[in-house]
Protein backbone atom coordinates (compact mmCIF):
# COMPACT_ATOMS: atom_id res chain seq x y z
CA MET A 1 87.30 109.10 113.75
CA THR A 2 87.55 106.79 116.72
CA THR A 3 88.31 103.15 116.42
CA GLN A 4 87.20 100.77 119.08
CA HIS A 5 89.77 98.35 120.37
CA THR A 6 88.25 95.84 122.69
CA MET A 7 89.42 92.56 124.03
CA THR A 8 87.24 89.56 123.28
CA ALA A 9 85.38 87.94 126.13
CA THR A 10 87.56 84.84 125.77
CA THR A 11 90.76 86.89 125.99
CA MET A 12 89.48 88.74 129.06
CA ALA A 13 88.46 85.48 130.69
CA ASN A 14 91.87 83.96 129.98
CA LEU A 15 93.68 87.00 131.35
CA ALA A 16 91.53 87.25 134.46
CA ALA A 17 91.36 83.54 135.27
CA PRO A 18 93.42 82.57 138.30
CA MET A 19 96.40 80.45 137.33
CA PRO A 20 97.91 77.92 139.71
CA ASN A 21 101.54 78.71 138.83
CA PRO A 22 102.68 81.86 140.69
CA ALA A 23 105.35 82.44 138.05
CA GLU A 24 102.73 83.08 135.36
CA PRO A 25 103.42 86.48 133.79
CA LEU A 26 99.93 87.97 134.11
CA LEU A 27 99.95 87.49 137.86
CA ASN A 28 102.94 89.78 138.28
CA TYR A 29 102.78 93.56 138.14
CA ASP A 30 104.40 94.64 134.88
CA PRO A 31 103.46 98.04 133.44
CA ASN A 32 105.64 97.31 130.39
CA ARG A 33 103.10 94.73 129.22
CA LEU A 34 100.38 97.40 129.33
CA LEU A 35 102.51 100.04 127.60
CA ASP A 36 103.56 97.58 124.87
CA HIS A 37 99.93 96.58 124.34
CA LEU A 38 98.91 100.23 123.99
CA LEU A 39 101.70 100.80 121.46
CA ASP A 40 100.39 97.86 119.45
CA VAL A 41 96.68 98.68 119.73
CA LEU A 42 97.15 102.36 118.93
CA ASP A 43 99.65 101.54 116.14
CA LEU A 44 102.33 103.81 117.61
CA LYS A 45 106.04 103.49 116.85
CA ASN A 46 107.61 104.33 120.19
CA ASP A 47 107.17 105.61 123.74
CA ALA A 48 107.48 109.24 122.64
CA ALA A 49 104.43 108.81 120.40
CA LEU A 50 102.59 107.11 123.26
CA ALA A 51 103.47 110.01 125.57
CA ARG A 52 102.09 112.50 123.04
CA THR A 53 98.90 110.45 122.68
CA LEU A 54 98.43 110.28 126.45
CA ASP A 55 99.33 113.97 126.91
CA VAL A 56 102.17 113.23 129.32
CA ALA A 57 105.86 114.09 129.22
CA PRO A 58 108.09 111.35 127.73
CA PRO A 59 109.99 110.90 131.03
CA VAL A 60 106.72 109.74 132.63
CA ILE A 61 106.59 106.73 130.30
CA SER A 62 110.29 106.04 130.92
CA LYS A 63 109.84 106.18 134.69
CA ILE A 64 106.86 103.80 134.47
CA ARG A 65 108.89 101.38 132.32
CA HIS A 66 111.75 101.40 134.84
CA PHE A 67 109.42 100.89 137.85
CA ARG A 68 110.21 104.34 139.29
CA LEU A 69 106.65 105.63 138.86
CA ALA A 70 103.35 103.81 139.21
CA ILE A 71 100.50 104.21 136.76
CA GLY A 72 98.14 106.54 138.59
CA PRO A 73 94.36 106.69 138.29
CA SER A 74 94.35 109.75 136.01
CA LEU A 75 96.79 108.12 133.58
CA LEU A 76 94.79 104.90 133.64
CA ILE A 77 91.64 106.85 132.78
CA ARG A 78 93.48 108.62 129.95
CA MET A 79 94.65 105.23 128.62
CA HIS A 80 91.04 104.10 128.65
CA GLU A 81 89.91 107.24 126.80
CA VAL A 82 92.43 106.89 123.97
CA SER A 83 92.25 103.11 123.57
CA ASP A 84 88.62 102.26 124.46
CA ILE A 85 89.96 99.35 126.54
CA THR A 86 88.04 99.02 129.79
CA ILE A 87 89.72 100.05 133.03
CA ALA A 88 89.43 96.45 134.18
CA GLY A 89 91.13 95.28 130.98
CA LEU A 90 93.96 97.78 131.45
CA ARG A 91 94.43 96.66 135.06
CA VAL A 92 94.58 93.01 134.00
CA LEU A 93 97.19 93.84 131.37
CA MET A 94 99.45 95.53 133.92
CA GLY A 95 98.96 92.71 136.43
CA ASP A 96 96.93 94.62 139.01
CA ARG A 97 94.83 92.01 140.81
CA ARG A 98 93.41 94.16 143.60
CA GLY A 99 89.65 94.05 143.97
CA LYS A 100 89.39 97.77 144.72
CA PHE A 101 91.54 100.84 144.58
CA ARG A 102 91.81 102.62 147.88
CA VAL A 103 93.05 106.16 148.18
CA ALA A 104 94.96 106.97 151.33
CA PHE A 105 94.24 110.47 152.56
CA SER A 106 96.61 112.44 154.72
CA GLN A 107 95.39 114.78 157.41
CA ASN A 108 96.20 117.67 155.08
CA ASP A 109 93.56 116.42 152.62
CA VAL A 110 90.70 116.51 155.15
CA PRO A 111 89.28 119.76 156.54
CA ALA A 112 90.18 120.25 160.21
CA GLN A 113 86.56 120.25 161.40
CA MET A 114 86.11 116.71 160.01
CA LEU A 115 89.08 115.38 161.98
CA HIS A 116 87.53 116.28 165.33
CA ALA A 117 84.01 115.02 164.86
């Protein structure tokens, strides 16, 4: 049984609307806000339960909470899968205001023949 947890259009508009005060909390990157929201929405008791739900090791959640690890794309997708919150909604909750994600490739990621076109 899957339950759908969605944010109302009004809530999304309020979260996404630009605010004039730079000290407003939603304008600052804070993965704890996202993790706490997931705990609430999924009705989980603690970070260990969240880690089990997301299929990650508990230290991953701890490192994210202490700003030692960023929430990567695969974890963000997994959060979307278990919560049914849109990727955009998850990004707003954590304070990510970038218009696009860009992946930086190293030379080791690109076949050699493509480097010398």
